[in-house]
Amino acid sequence: FEDLALHPERVLHRCLAFLDLEREGLPAGRSYPAHNVGVAPSQPI
């Protein structure tokens, strides 16, 4: 997860290689917003 958060495009390219999909199919200049981000405050333990 941490690699995806820091380097989403790099991890995505690794997935595409695993799935035998070409990178060229991705839209140019795309962004990588985080999805399903938690909204509840963290509680220190």
All heavy atoms as atom14 arrays in JSON, in Angstrom:
{
  "sequence": "FEDLALHPERVLHRCLAFLDLEREGLPAGRSYPAHNVGVAPSQPI",
  "atom14_mask": [
    [1, 1, 1, 1, 1, 1, 1, 1, 1, 1, 1, 0, 0, 0],
    [1, 1, 1, 1, 1, 1, 1, 1, 1, 0, 0, 0, 0, 0],
    [1, 1, 1, 1, 1, 1, 1, 1, 0, 0, 0, 0, 0, 0],
    [1, 1, 1, 1, 1, 1, 1, 1, 0, 0, 0, 0, 0, 0],
    [1, 1, 1, 1, 1, 0, 0, 0, 0, 0, 0, 0, 0, 0],
    [1, 1, 1, 1, 1, 1, 1, 1, 0, 0, 0, 0, 0, 0],
    [1, 1, 1, 1, 1, 1, 1, 1, 1, 1, 0, 0, 0, 0],
    [1, 1, 1, 1, 1, 1, 1, 0, 0, 0, 0, 0, 0, 0],
    [1, 1, 1, 1, 1, 1, 1, 1, 1, 0, 0, 0, 0, 0],
    [1, 1, 1, 1, 1, 1, 1, 1, 1, 1, 1, 0, 0, 0],
    [1, 1, 1, 1, 1, 1, 1, 0, 0, 0, 0, 0, 0, 0],
    [1, 1, 1, 1, 1, 1, 1, 1, 0, 0, 0, 0, 0, 0],
    [1, 1, 1, 1, 1, 1, 1, 1, 1, 1, 0, 0, 0, 0],
    [1, 1, 1, 1, 1, 1, 1, 1, 1, 1, 1, 0, 0, 0],
    [1, 1, 1, 1, 1, 1, 0, 0, 0, 0, 0, 0, 0, 0],
    [1, 1, 1, 1, 1, 1, 1, 1, 0, 0, 0, 0, 0, 0],
    [1, 1, 1, 1, 1, 0, 0, 0, 0, 0, 0, 0, 0, 0],
    [1, 1, 1, 1, 1, 1, 1, 1, 1, 1, 1, 0, 0, 0],
    [1, 1, 1, 1, 1, 1, 1, 1, 0, 0, 0, 0, 0, 0],
    [1, 1, 1, 1, 1, 1, 1, 1, 0, 0, 0, 0, 0, 0],
    [1, 1, 1, 1, 1, 1, 1, 1, 0, 0, 0, 0, 0, 0],
    [1, 1, 1, 1, 1, 1, 1, 1, 1, 0, 0, 0, 0, 0],
    [1, 1, 1, 1, 1, 1, 1, 1, 1, 1, 1, 0, 0, 0],
    [1, 1, 1, 1, 1, 1, 1, 1, 1, 0, 0, 0, 0, 0],
    [1, 1, 1, 1, 0, 0, 0, 0, 0, 0, 0, 0, 0, 0],
    [1, 1, 1, 1, 1, 1, 1, 1, 0, 0, 0, 0, 0, 0],
    [1, 1, 1, 1, 1, 1, 1, 0, 0, 0, 0, 0, 0, 0],
    [1, 1, 1, 1, 1, 0, 0, 0, 0, 0, 0, 0, 0, 0],
    [1, 1, 1, 1, 0, 0, 0, 0, 0, 0, 0, 0, 0, 0],
    [1, 1, 1, 1, 1, 1, 1, 1, 1, 1, 1, 0, 0, 0],
    [1, 1, 1, 1, 1, 1, 0, 0, 0, 0, 0, 0, 0, 0],
    [1, 1, 1, 1, 1, 1, 1, 1, 1, 1, 1, 1, 0, 0],
    [1, 1, 1, 1, 1, 1, 1, 0, 0, 0, 0, 0, 0, 0],
    [1, 1, 1, 1, 1, 0, 0, 0, 0, 0, 0, 0, 0, 0],
    [1, 1, 1, 1, 1, 1, 1, 1, 1, 1, 0, 0, 0, 0],
    [1, 1, 1, 1, 1, 1, 1, 1, 0, 0, 0, 0, 0, 0],
    [1, 1, 1, 1, 1, 1, 1, 0, 0, 0, 0, 0, 0, 0],
    [1, 1, 1, 1, 0, 0, 0, 0, 0, 0, 0, 0, 0, 0],
    [1, 1, 1, 1, 1, 1, 1, 0, 0, 0, 0, 0, 0, 0],
    [1, 1, 1, 1, 1, 0, 0, 0, 0, 0, 0, 0, 0, 0],
    [1, 1, 1, 1, 1, 1, 1, 0, 0, 0, 0, 0, 0, 0],
    [1, 1, 1, 1, 1, 1, 0, 0, 0, 0, 0, 0, 0, 0],
    [1, 1, 1, 1, 1, 1, 1, 1, 1, 0, 0, 0, 0, 0],
    [1, 1, 1, 1, 1, 1, 1, 0, 0, 0, 0, 0, 0, 0],
    [1, 1, 1, 1, 1, 1, 1, 1, 0, 0, 0, 0, 0, 0]
  ],
  "atom14_positions": [
    [[0.83, -1.2, 0.0], [0.0, 0.0, 0.0], [0.86, 1.25, 0.0], [0.58, 2.23, -0.71], [-0.92, -0.02, 1.24], [-1.45, 1.32, 1.64], [-2.57, 1.84, 1.02], [-0.84, 2.06, 2.65], [-3.08, 3.09, 1.4], [-1.33, 3.29, 3.03], [-2.46, 3.81, 2.39], [0.0, 0.0, 0.0], [0.0, 0.0, 0.0], [0.0, 0.0, 0.0]],
    [[1.9, 1.25, 0.8], [2.75, 2.43, 0.94], [3.41, 2.8, -0.37], [3.57, 4.0, -0.68], [3.8, 2.2, 2.03], [3.24, 2.12, 3.44], [2.57, 0.78, 3.78], [2.64, -0.16, 2.95], [2.01, 0.68, 4.88], [0.0, 0.0, 0.0], [0.0, 0.0, 0.0], [0.0, 0.0, 0.0], [0.0, 0.0, 0.0], [0.0, 0.0, 0.0]],
    [[3.79, 1.81, -1.18], [4.37, 2.08, -2.49], [3.33, 2.68, -3.43], [3.62, 3.6, -4.21], [4.94, 0.8, -3.1], [6.09, 0.24, -2.29], [6.79, 1.03, -1.62], [6.27, -0.99, -2.29], [0.0, 0.0, 0.0], [0.0, 0.0, 0.0], [0.0, 0.0, 0.0], [0.0, 0.0, 0.0], [0.0, 0.0, 0.0], [0.0, 0.0, 0.0]],
    [[2.09, 2.18, -3.34], [1.02, 2.74, -4.17], [0.74, 4.18, -3.79], [0.53, 5.03, -4.66], [-0.25, 1.9, -4.0], [-1.47, 2.37, -4.8], [-1.24, 2.17, -6.29], [-2.73, 1.64, -4.35], [0.0, 0.0, 0.0], [0.0, 0.0, 0.0], [0.0, 0.0, 0.0], [0.0, 0.0, 0.0], [0.0, 0.0, 0.0], [0.0, 0.0, 0.0]],
    [[0.76, 4.48, -2.5], [0.49, 5.84, -2.05], [1.58, 6.81, -2.49], [1.3, 7.94, -2.87], [0.34, 5.86, -0.52], [0.0, 0.0, 0.0], [0.0, 0.0, 0.0], [0.0, 0.0, 0.0], [0.0, 0.0, 0.0], [0.0, 0.0, 0.0], [0.0, 0.0, 0.0], [0.0, 0.0, 0.0], [0.0, 0.0, 0.0], [0.0, 0.0, 0.0]],
    [[2.84, 6.36, -2.45], [3.97, 7.23, -2.79], [4.23, 7.29, -4.29], [4.58, 8.35, -4.83], [5.23, 6.76, -2.07], [5.29, 7.0, -0.56], [6.51, 6.33, 0.04], [5.3, 8.51, -0.25], [0.0, 0.0, 0.0], [0.0, 0.0, 0.0], [0.0, 0.0, 0.0], [0.0, 0.0, 0.0], [0.0, 0.0, 0.0], [0.0, 0.0, 0.0]],
    [[4.09, 6.16, -4.96], [4.44, 6.07, -6.38], [3.33, 5.36, -7.15], [3.54, 4.24, -7.68], [5.77, 5.33, -6.56], [6.89, 5.89, -5.75], [7.47, 7.11, -6.01], [7.53, 5.39, -4.64], [8.43, 7.34, -5.12], [8.48, 6.32, -4.29], [0.0, 0.0, 0.0], [0.0, 0.0, 0.0], [0.0, 0.0, 0.0], [0.0, 0.0, 0.0]],
    [[2.15, 5.95, -7.25], [1.02, 5.24, -7.87], [1.27, 4.84, -9.31], [0.9, 3.72, -9.72], [-0.14, 6.23, -7.74], [0.5, 7.56, -7.52], [1.76, 7.29, -6.79], [0.0, 0.0, 0.0], [0.0, 0.0, 0.0], [0.0, 0.0, 0.0], [0.0, 0.0, 0.0], [0.0, 0.0, 0.0], [0.0, 0.0, 0.0], [0.0, 0.0, 0.0]],
    [[1.89, 5.7, -10.09], [2.11, 5.36, -11.49], [3.07, 4.19, -11.63], [2.87, 3.3, -12.46], [2.62, 6.58, -12.26], [2.67, 6.35, -13.76], [2.91, 7.64, -14.51], [3.9, 8.34, -14.18], [2.13, 7.95, -15.43], [0.0, 0.0, 0.0], [0.0, 0.0, 0.0], [0.0, 0.0, 0.0], [0.0, 0.0, 0.0], [0.0, 0.0, 0.0]],
    [[4.09, 4.17, -10.8], [5.07, 3.08, -10.85], [4.41, 1.75, -10.51], [4.64, 0.72, -11.18], [6.21, 3.38, -9.87], [7.39, 2.43, -9.95], [8.42, 2.77, -8.89], [8.87, 4.16, -8.99], [9.64, 4.75, -8.08], [10.03, 4.07, -7.0], [10.02, 6.0, -8.23], [0.0, 0.0, 0.0], [0.0, 0.0, 0.0], [0.0, 0.0, 0.0]],
    [[3.57, 1.73, -9.47], [2.88, 0.5, -9.08], [1.88, 0.1, -10.16], [1.74, -1.08, -10.48], [2.2, 0.69, -7.72], [1.31, -0.52, -7.39], [3.24, 0.89, -6.63], [0.0, 0.0, 0.0], [0.0, 0.0, 0.0], [0.0, 0.0, 0.0], [0.0, 0.0, 0.0], [0.0, 0.0, 0.0], [0.0, 0.0, 0.0], [0.0, 0.0, 0.0]],
    [[1.19, 1.08, -10.74], [0.24, 0.77, -11.81], [0.95, 0.13, -12.99], [0.47, -0.86, -13.57], [-0.5, 2.03, -12.24], [-1.47, 1.87, -13.4], [-2.56, 0.86, -13.07], [-2.09, 3.2, -13.79], [0.0, 0.0, 0.0], [0.0, 0.0, 0.0], [0.0, 0.0, 0.0], [0.0, 0.0, 0.0], [0.0, 0.0, 0.0], [0.0, 0.0, 0.0]],
    [[2.11, 0.66, -13.36], [2.86, 0.08, -14.47], [3.28, -1.37, -14.16], [3.29, -2.23, -15.05], [4.1, 0.92, -14.76], [3.77, 2.22, -15.4], [4.72, 3.22, -15.59], [2.61, 2.72, -15.9], [4.15, 4.26, -16.18], [2.87, 3.97, -16.37], [0.0, 0.0, 0.0], [0.0, 0.0, 0.0], [0.0, 0.0, 0.0], [0.0, 0.0, 0.0]],
    [[3.59, -1.62, -12.91], [3.94, -3.0, -12.52], [2.73, -3.92, -12.68], [2.85, -5.05, -13.14], [4.43, -3.01, -11.07], [5.0, -4.34, -10.63], [5.59, -4.27, -9.23], [5.94, -5.58, -8.73], [6.29, -5.82, -7.48], [6.36, -4.82, -6.61], [6.6, -7.04, -7.1], [0.0, 0.0, 0.0], [0.0, 0.0, 0.0], [0.0, 0.0, 0.0]],
    [[1.55, -3.43, -12.32], [0.33, -4.21, -12.49], [0.03, -4.45, -13.97], [-0.37, -5.56, -14.36], [-0.85, -3.49, -11.84], [-0.8, -3.44, -10.05], [0.0, 0.0, 0.0], [0.0, 0.0, 0.0], [0.0, 0.0, 0.0], [0.0, 0.0, 0.0], [0.0, 0.0, 0.0], [0.0, 0.0, 0.0], [0.0, 0.0, 0.0], [0.0, 0.0, 0.0]],
    [[0.22, -3.43, -14.78], [-0.04, -3.59, -16.21], [0.89, -4.64, -16.82], [0.46, -5.45, -17.66], [0.13, -2.25, -16.93], [-0.87, -1.14, -16.55], [-0.56, 0.13, -17.32], [-2.3, -1.59, -16.79], [0.0, 0.0, 0.0], [0.0, 0.0, 0.0], [0.0, 0.0, 0.0], [0.0, 0.0, 0.0], [0.0, 0.0, 0.0], [0.0, 0.0, 0.0]],
    [[2.14, -4.64, -16.41], [3.08, -5.66, -16.9], [2.62, -7.06, -16.46], [2.68, -8.02, -17.25], [4.48, -5.37, -16.38], [0.0, 0.0, 0.0], [0.0, 0.0, 0.0], [0.0, 0.0, 0.0], [0.0, 0.0, 0.0], [0.0, 0.0, 0.0], [0.0, 0.0, 0.0], [0.0, 0.0, 0.0], [0.0, 0.0, 0.0], [0.0, 0.0, 0.0]],
    [[2.15, -7.18, -15.25], [1.65, -8.46, -14.73], [0.45, -8.94, -15.53], [0.27, -10.15, -15.75], [1.29, -8.26, -13.25], [0.6, -9.42, -12.59], [1.26, -10.64, -12.41], [-0.7, -9.3, -12.13], [0.62, -11.7, -11.79], [-1.35, -10.36, -11.51], [-0.68, -11.56, -11.34], [0.0, 0.0, 0.0], [0.0, 0.0, 0.0], [0.0, 0.0, 0.0]],
    [[-0.37, -7.99, -16.0], [-1.58, -8.32, -16.75], [-1.37, -8.34, -18.26], [-2.33, -8.51, -19.03], [-2.69, -7.32, -16.41], [-3.09, -7.25, -14.93], [-4.1, -6.13, -14.71], [-3.65, -8.58, -14.45], [0.0, 0.0, 0.0], [0.0, 0.0, 0.0], [0.0, 0.0, 0.0], [0.0, 0.0, 0.0], [0.0, 0.0, 0.0], [0.0, 0.0, 0.0]],
    [[-0.11, -8.13, -18.69], [0.21, -8.1, -20.13], [-0.55, -6.99, -20.85], [-1.03, -7.18, -21.98], [-0.06, -9.45, -20.79], [0.81, -10.56, -20.23], [1.99, -10.3, -19.96], [0.3, -11.68, -20.04], [0.0, 0.0, 0.0], [0.0, 0.0, 0.0], [0.0, 0.0, 0.0], [0.0, 0.0, 0.0], [0.0, 0.0, 0.0], [0.0, 0.0, 0.0]],
    [[-0.66, -5.85, -20.21], [-1.31, -4.69, -20.81], [-0.26, -3.62, -21.12], [0.67, -3.41, -20.33], [-2.37, -4.11, -19.88], [-3.61, -4.96, -19.62], [-4.48, -4.31, -18.56], [-4.39, -5.19, -20.9], [0.0, 0.0, 0.0], [0.0, 0.0, 0.0], [0.0, 0.0, 0.0], [0.0, 0.0, 0.0], [0.0, 0.0, 0.0], [0.0, 0.0, 0.0]],
    [[-0.42, -2.94, -22.23], [0.54, -1.92, -22.64], [0.29, -0.61, -21.88], [-0.84, -0.22, -21.62], [0.44, -1.67, -24.14], [-0.89, -1.08, -24.62], [-2.04, -2.07, -24.62], [-1.79, -3.29, -24.47], [-3.2, -1.62, -24.75], [0.0, 0.0, 0.0], [0.0, 0.0, 0.0], [0.0, 0.0, 0.0], [0.0, 0.0, 0.0], [0.0, 0.0, 0.0]],
    [[1.37, 0.07, -21.51], [1.24, 1.37, -20.83], [0.63, 2.42, -21.74], [-0.02, 3.35, -21.28], [2.62, 1.87, -20.39], [3.31, 1.01, -19.36], [4.61, 1.67, -18.96], [5.45, 0.81, -18.15], [6.63, 1.18, -17.65], [7.09, 2.4, -17.91], [7.34, 0.35, -16.92], [0.0, 0.0, 0.0], [0.0, 0.0, 0.0], [0.0, 0.0, 0.0]],
    [[0.83, 2.28, -23.02], [0.42, 3.31, -23.96], [-1.1, 3.52, -23.95], [-1.59, 4.54, -24.41], [0.88, 2.96, -25.37], [2.37, 3.06, -25.6], [3.17, 1.95, -24.91], [2.58, 0.88, -24.6], [4.37, 2.15, -24.65], [0.0, 0.0, 0.0], [0.0, 0.0, 0.0], [0.0, 0.0, 0.0], [0.0, 0.0, 0.0], [0.0, 0.0, 0.0]],
    [[-1.84, 2.58, -23.41], [-3.28, 2.74, -23.38], [-3.78, 3.71, -22.33], [-4.94, 4.12, -22.35], [0.0, 0.0, 0.0], [0.0, 0.0, 0.0], [0.0, 0.0, 0.0], [0.0, 0.0, 0.0], [0.0, 0.0, 0.0], [0.0, 0.0, 0.0], [0.0, 0.0, 0.0], [0.0, 0.0, 0.0], [0.0, 0.0, 0.0], [0.0, 0.0, 0.0]],
    [[-2.91, 4.11, -21.4], [-3.33, 5.02, -20.33], [-3.51, 6.44, -20.87], [-2.73, 6.9, -21.7], [-2.29, 5.04, -19.21], [-2.13, 3.74, -18.42], [-0.93, 3.84, -17.49], [-3.39, 3.45, -17.61], [0.0, 0.0, 0.0], [0.0, 0.0, 0.0], [0.0, 0.0, 0.0], [0.0, 0.0, 0.0], [0.0, 0.0, 0.0], [0.0, 0.0, 0.0]],
    [[-4.5, 7.17, -20.36], [-4.66, 8.57, -20.78], [-3.44, 9.4, -20.41], [-2.85, 9.2, -19.34], [-5.9, 9.03, -20.0], [-6.59, 7.78, -19.58], [-5.53, 6.74, -19.43], [0.0, 0.0, 0.0], [0.0, 0.0, 0.0], [0.0, 0.0, 0.0], [0.0, 0.0, 0.0], [0.0, 0.0, 0.0], [0.0, 0.0, 0.0], [0.0, 0.0, 0.0]],
    [[-3.09, 10.31, -21.28], [-1.93, 11.17, -21.01], [-2.24, 12.15, -19.88], [-3.36, 12.66, -19.77], [-1.55, 11.93, -22.29], [0.0, 0.0, 0.0], [0.0, 0.0, 0.0], [0.0, 0.0, 0.0], [0.0, 0.0, 0.0], [0.0, 0.0, 0.0], [0.0, 0.0, 0.0], [0.0, 0.0, 0.0], [0.0, 0.0, 0.0], [0.0, 0.0, 0.0]],
    [[-1.25, 12.39, -19.04], [-1.39, 13.39, -17.99], [-2.4, 13.05, -16.91], [-2.92, 13.94, -16.24], [0.0, 0.0, 0.0], [0.0, 0.0, 0.0], [0.0, 0.0, 0.0], [0.0, 0.0, 0.0], [0.0, 0.0, 0.0], [0.0, 0.0, 0.0], [0.0, 0.0, 0.0], [0.0, 0.0, 0.0], [0.0, 0.0, 0.0], [0.0, 0.0, 0.0]],
    [[-2.7, 11.78, -16.71], [-3.7, 11.41, -15.72], [-3.19, 11.65, -14.3], [-1.99, 11.64, -14.04], [-4.11, 9.95, -15.88], [-3.02, 8.95, -15.56], [-3.54, 7.53, -15.6], [-4.64, 7.33, -14.66], [-5.24, 6.17, -14.47], [-4.88, 5.11, -15.16], [-6.21, 6.05, -13.6], [0.0, 0.0, 0.0], [0.0, 0.0, 0.0], [0.0, 0.0, 0.0]],
    [[-4.13, 11.86, -13.39], [-3.78, 12.04, -11.98], [-4.15, 10.78, -11.21], [-4.87, 9.92, -11.71], [-4.52, 13.25, -11.4], [-5.92, 13.08, -11.5], [0.0, 0.0, 0.0], [0.0, 0.0, 0.0], [0.0, 0.0, 0.0], [0.0, 0.0, 0.0], [0.0, 0.0, 0.0], [0.0, 0.0, 0.0], [0.0, 0.0, 0.0], [0.0, 0.0, 0.0]],
    [[-3.68, 10.69, -9.98], [-3.88, 9.5, -9.17], [-4.4, 9.89, -7.79], [-3.69, 9.76, -6.78], [-2.58, 8.71, -9.06], [-2.08, 8.18, -10.38], [-1.21, 8.93, -11.17], [-2.52, 6.95, -10.85], [-0.77, 8.44, -12.4], [-2.08, 6.45, -12.08], [-1.21, 7.2, -12.84], [-0.79, 6.73, -14.06], [0.0, 0.0, 0.0], [0.0, 0.0, 0.0]],
    [[-5.64, 10.34, -7.7], [-6.18, 10.7, -6.39], [-6.41, 9.46, -5.54], [-6.71, 8.38, -6.05], [-7.51, 11.38, -6.74], [-7.91, 10.77, -8.05], [-6.62, 10.53, -8.79], [0.0, 0.0, 0.0], [0.0, 0.0, 0.0], [0.0, 0.0, 0.0], [0.0, 0.0, 0.0], [0.0, 0.0, 0.0], [0.0, 0.0, 0.0], [0.0, 0.0, 0.0]],
    [[-6.28, 9.62, -4.22], [-6.57, 8.51, -3.31], [-8.08, 8.35, -3.19], [-8.81, 9.33, -3.09], [-5.96, 8.78, -1.95], [0.0, 0.0, 0.0], [0.0, 0.0, 0.0], [0.0, 0.0, 0.0], [0.0, 0.0, 0.0], [0.0, 0.0, 0.0], [0.0, 0.0, 0.0], [0.0, 0.0, 0.0], [0.0, 0.0, 0.0], [0.0, 0.0, 0.0]],
    [[-8.54, 7.11, -3.21], [-9.97, 6.81, -3.12], [-10.28, 6.17, -1.77], [-9.44, 5.52, -1.16], [-10.39, 5.86, -4.24], [-10.3, 6.46, -5.61], [-11.4, 6.87, -6.32], [-9.23, 6.72, -6.41], [-11.03, 7.35, -7.49], [-9.71, 7.26, -7.57], [0.0, 0.0, 0.0], [0.0, 0.0, 0.0], [0.0, 0.0, 0.0], [0.0, 0.0, 0.0]],
    [[-11.53, 6.35, -1.33], [-12.02, 5.71, -0.11], [-11.13, 6.05, 1.09], [-10.81, 5.19, 1.91], [-12.11, 4.19, -0.29], [-12.95, 3.52, 0.78], [-13.85, 4.14, 1.35], [-12.65, 2.27, 1.06], [0.0, 0.0, 0.0], [0.0, 0.0, 0.0], [0.0, 0.0, 0.0], [0.0, 0.0, 0.0], [0.0, 0.0, 0.0], [0.0, 0.0, 0.0]],
    [[-10.76, 7.31, 1.18], [-9.9, 7.76, 2.29], [-10.74, 7.87, 3.56], [-11.86, 8.39, 3.53], [-9.26, 9.12, 1.96], [-8.4, 9.6, 3.12], [-8.43, 9.0, 0.69], [0.0, 0.0, 0.0], [0.0, 0.0, 0.0], [0.0, 0.0, 0.0], [0.0, 0.0, 0.0], [0.0, 0.0, 0.0], [0.0, 0.0, 0.0], [0.0, 0.0, 0.0]],
    [[-10.22, 7.38, 4.66], [-10.94, 7.44, 5.92], [-11.15, 8.87, 6.39], [-10.3, 9.74, 6.16], [0.0, 0.0, 0.0], [0.0, 0.0, 0.0], [0.0, 0.0, 0.0], [0.0, 0.0, 0.0], [0.0, 0.0, 0.0], [0.0, 0.0, 0.0], [0.0, 0.0, 0.0], [0.0, 0.0, 0.0], [0.0, 0.0, 0.0], [0.0, 0.0, 0.0]],
    [[-12.28, 9.11, 7.02], [-12.59, 10.46, 7.5], [-12.58, 10.54, 9.02], [-12.51, 11.63, 9.58], [-13.97, 10.92, 6.98], [-13.93, 11.07, 5.47], [-15.08, 9.96, 7.39], [0.0, 0.0, 0.0], [0.0, 0.0, 0.0], [0.0, 0.0, 0.0], [0.0, 0.0, 0.0], [0.0, 0.0, 0.0], [0.0, 0.0, 0.0], [0.0, 0.0, 0.0]],
    [[-12.67, 9.41, 9.7], [-12.67, 9.42, 11.16], [-11.28, 9.78, 11.69], [-10.26, 9.37, 11.12], [-13.1, 8.07, 11.71], [0.0, 0.0, 0.0], [0.0, 0.0, 0.0], [0.0, 0.0, 0.0], [0.0, 0.0, 0.0], [0.0, 0.0, 0.0], [0.0, 0.0, 0.0], [0.0, 0.0, 0.0], [0.0, 0.0, 0.0], [0.0, 0.0, 0.0]],
    [[-11.2, 10.56, 12.77], [-9.88, 10.93, 13.31], [-9.16, 9.72, 13.89], [-9.79, 8.78, 14.4], [-10.23, 11.94, 14.41], [-11.64, 11.62, 14.79], [-12.3, 11.13, 13.54], [0.0, 0.0, 0.0], [0.0, 0.0, 0.0], [0.0, 0.0, 0.0], [0.0, 0.0, 0.0], [0.0, 0.0, 0.0], [0.0, 0.0, 0.0], [0.0, 0.0, 0.0]],
    [[-7.84, 9.74, 13.78], [-7.05, 8.64, 14.34], [-6.96, 8.77, 15.85], [-6.99, 9.87, 16.4], [-5.65, 8.64, 13.73], [-4.99, 9.86, 14.0], [0.0, 0.0, 0.0], [0.0, 0.0, 0.0], [0.0, 0.0, 0.0], [0.0, 0.0, 0.0], [0.0, 0.0, 0.0], [0.0, 0.0, 0.0], [0.0, 0.0, 0.0], [0.0, 0.0, 0.0]],
    [[-6.88, 7.63, 16.53], [-6.72, 7.62, 17.98], [-5.34, 7.07, 18.31], [-5.03, 5.94, 17.95], [-7.79, 6.72, 18.62], [-9.22, 7.17, 18.41], [-10.19, 6.23, 19.1], [-9.92, 5.71, 20.18], [-11.36, 6.03, 18.49], [0.0, 0.0, 0.0], [0.0, 0.0, 0.0], [0.0, 0.0, 0.0], [0.0, 0.0, 0.0], [0.0, 0.0, 0.0]],
    [[-4.51, 7.86, 18.97], [-3.19, 7.34, 19.34], [-3.32, 6.2, 20.33], [-4.23, 6.18, 21.16], [-2.49, 8.56, 19.97], [-3.61, 9.44, 20.42], [-4.73, 9.24, 19.44], [0.0, 0.0, 0.0], [0.0, 0.0, 0.0], [0.0, 0.0, 0.0], [0.0, 0.0, 0.0], [0.0, 0.0, 0.0], [0.0, 0.0, 0.0], [0.0, 0.0, 0.0]],
    [[-2.43, 5.23, 20.23], [-2.45, 4.11, 21.17], [-1.14, 4.1, 21.95], [-0.13, 4.68, 21.54], [-2.67, 2.76, 20.46], [-1.52, 2.45, 19.51], [-3.99, 2.76, 19.73], [-1.55, 1.02, 19.0], [0.0, 0.0, 0.0], [0.0, 0.0, 0.0], [0.0, 0.0, 0.0], [0.0, 0.0, 0.0], [0.0, 0.0, 0.0], [0.0, 0.0, 0.0]]
  ]
}
